Amino acid sequence: MSSNSNHADYWKANLKLMGLLLSIWFFVSFMCSVVLVDALNQIQFAGFKLGFWMAQQGSIYVFLILIWVYVRGMNKLDKKFDVEE
């Protein structure tokens, strides 16, 4: 029974991490690049309007960072639940 409970806790922690990271990805890629673009364009970043920069480059950088965070988070979860390779 504890094995099933441990498996369920591992899956729950995995879904929590994925939900958080997907929420950040949605906010950055959709909200900052589409919905809030006019407000962000009032700010200059590296010589470009921030809304434009987020749509063209920023969301890609954030996505790569989120992949790195996911890998680190899953490695920690694997060690915590003793399912590491």
Protein backbone atom coordinates (compact mmCIF):
# COMPACT_ATOMS: atom_id res chain seq x y z
CA MET A 1 0.00 0.00 0.00
CA SER A 2 2.80 2.43 0.80
CA SER A 3 4.23 1.85 -2.68
CA ASN A 4 0.97 3.03 -4.26
CA SER A 5 0.82 5.96 -1.88
CA ASN A 6 4.42 6.86 -2.68
CA HIS A 7 3.69 6.62 -6.39
CA ALA A 8 0.61 8.84 -6.01
CA ASP A 9 2.59 11.42 -4.00
CA TYR A 10 5.32 11.42 -6.66
CA TRP A 11 2.77 11.96 -9.43
CA LYS A 12 1.02 14.70 -7.44
CA ALA A 13 4.33 16.54 -6.91
CA ASN A 14 5.13 16.14 -10.63
CA LEU A 15 1.76 17.61 -11.65
CA LYS A 16 2.19 20.49 -9.20
CA LEU A 17 5.60 21.36 -10.69
CA MET A 18 4.29 21.07 -14.26
CA GLY A 19 1.24 23.18 -13.43
CA LEU A 20 3.37 25.94 -11.95
CA LEU A 21 5.79 25.99 -14.89
CA LEU A 22 3.01 25.87 -17.49
CA SER A 23 1.29 28.78 -15.72
CA ILE A 24 4.48 30.83 -15.92
CA TRP A 25 4.89 29.86 -19.57
CA PHE A 26 1.30 30.89 -20.34
CA PHE A 27 1.73 34.22 -18.59
CA VAL A 28 4.99 35.05 -20.35
CA SER A 29 4.14 33.76 -23.82
CA PHE A 30 0.50 34.85 -24.06
CA MET A 31 -0.12 37.58 -21.52
CA CYS A 32 3.16 39.48 -21.92
CA SER A 33 3.44 38.95 -25.68
CA VAL A 34 -0.21 39.49 -26.70
CA VAL A 35 -2.53 40.85 -24.03
CA LEU A 36 -0.17 43.22 -22.19
CA VAL A 37 1.94 44.18 -25.19
CA ASP A 38 0.70 47.78 -25.35
CA ALA A 39 1.48 48.42 -21.69
CA LEU A 40 4.88 46.72 -21.97
CA ASN A 41 5.75 48.71 -25.09
CA GLN A 42 5.93 51.81 -22.88
CA ILE A 43 9.12 50.34 -21.37
CA GLN A 44 12.41 50.21 -23.28
CA PHE A 45 14.67 47.14 -22.92
CA ALA A 46 18.01 46.90 -24.72
CA GLY A 47 16.85 49.57 -27.15
CA PHE A 48 13.57 47.80 -28.00
CA LYS A 49 10.05 48.10 -26.72
CA LEU A 50 9.60 45.48 -24.00
CA GLY A 51 6.37 44.06 -25.45
CA PHE A 52 8.02 43.53 -28.83
CA TRP A 53 11.12 42.03 -27.21
CA MET A 54 9.03 39.63 -25.10
CA ALA A 55 7.15 38.44 -28.18
CA GLN A 56 10.30 37.94 -30.24
CA GLN A 57 13.01 36.87 -27.78
CA GLY A 58 11.95 37.02 -24.14
CA SER A 59 9.37 34.25 -24.25
CA ILE A 60 11.92 31.92 -25.87
CA TYR A 61 14.49 32.66 -23.17
CA VAL A 62 11.90 32.10 -20.45
CA PHE A 63 10.88 28.82 -22.08
CA LEU A 64 14.49 27.59 -22.05
CA ILE A 65 14.84 28.59 -18.40
CA LEU A 66 11.62 26.74 -17.57
CA ILE A 67 12.99 23.57 -19.21
CA TRP A 68 16.11 23.86 -17.05
CA VAL A 69 14.00 24.41 -13.91
CA TYR A 70 11.83 21.39 -14.79
CA VAL A 71 14.86 19.13 -15.21
CA ARG A 72 16.32 20.25 -11.87
CA GLY A 73 12.95 19.93 -10.15
CA MET A 74 12.35 16.44 -11.50
CA ASN A 75 15.84 15.33 -10.50
CA LYS A 76 15.09 16.50 -6.95
CA LEU A 77 11.72 14.72 -6.99
CA ASP A 78 13.35 11.54 -8.29
CA LYS A 79 15.85 11.59 -5.42
CA LYS A 80 13.17 12.42 -2.87
CA PHE A 81 10.95 9.52 -3.95
CA ASP A 82 13.88 7.20 -4.69
CA VAL A 83 13.04 6.66 -8.36
CA GLU A 84 16.23 8.09 -9.84
CA GLU A 85 17.99 6.33 -12.68
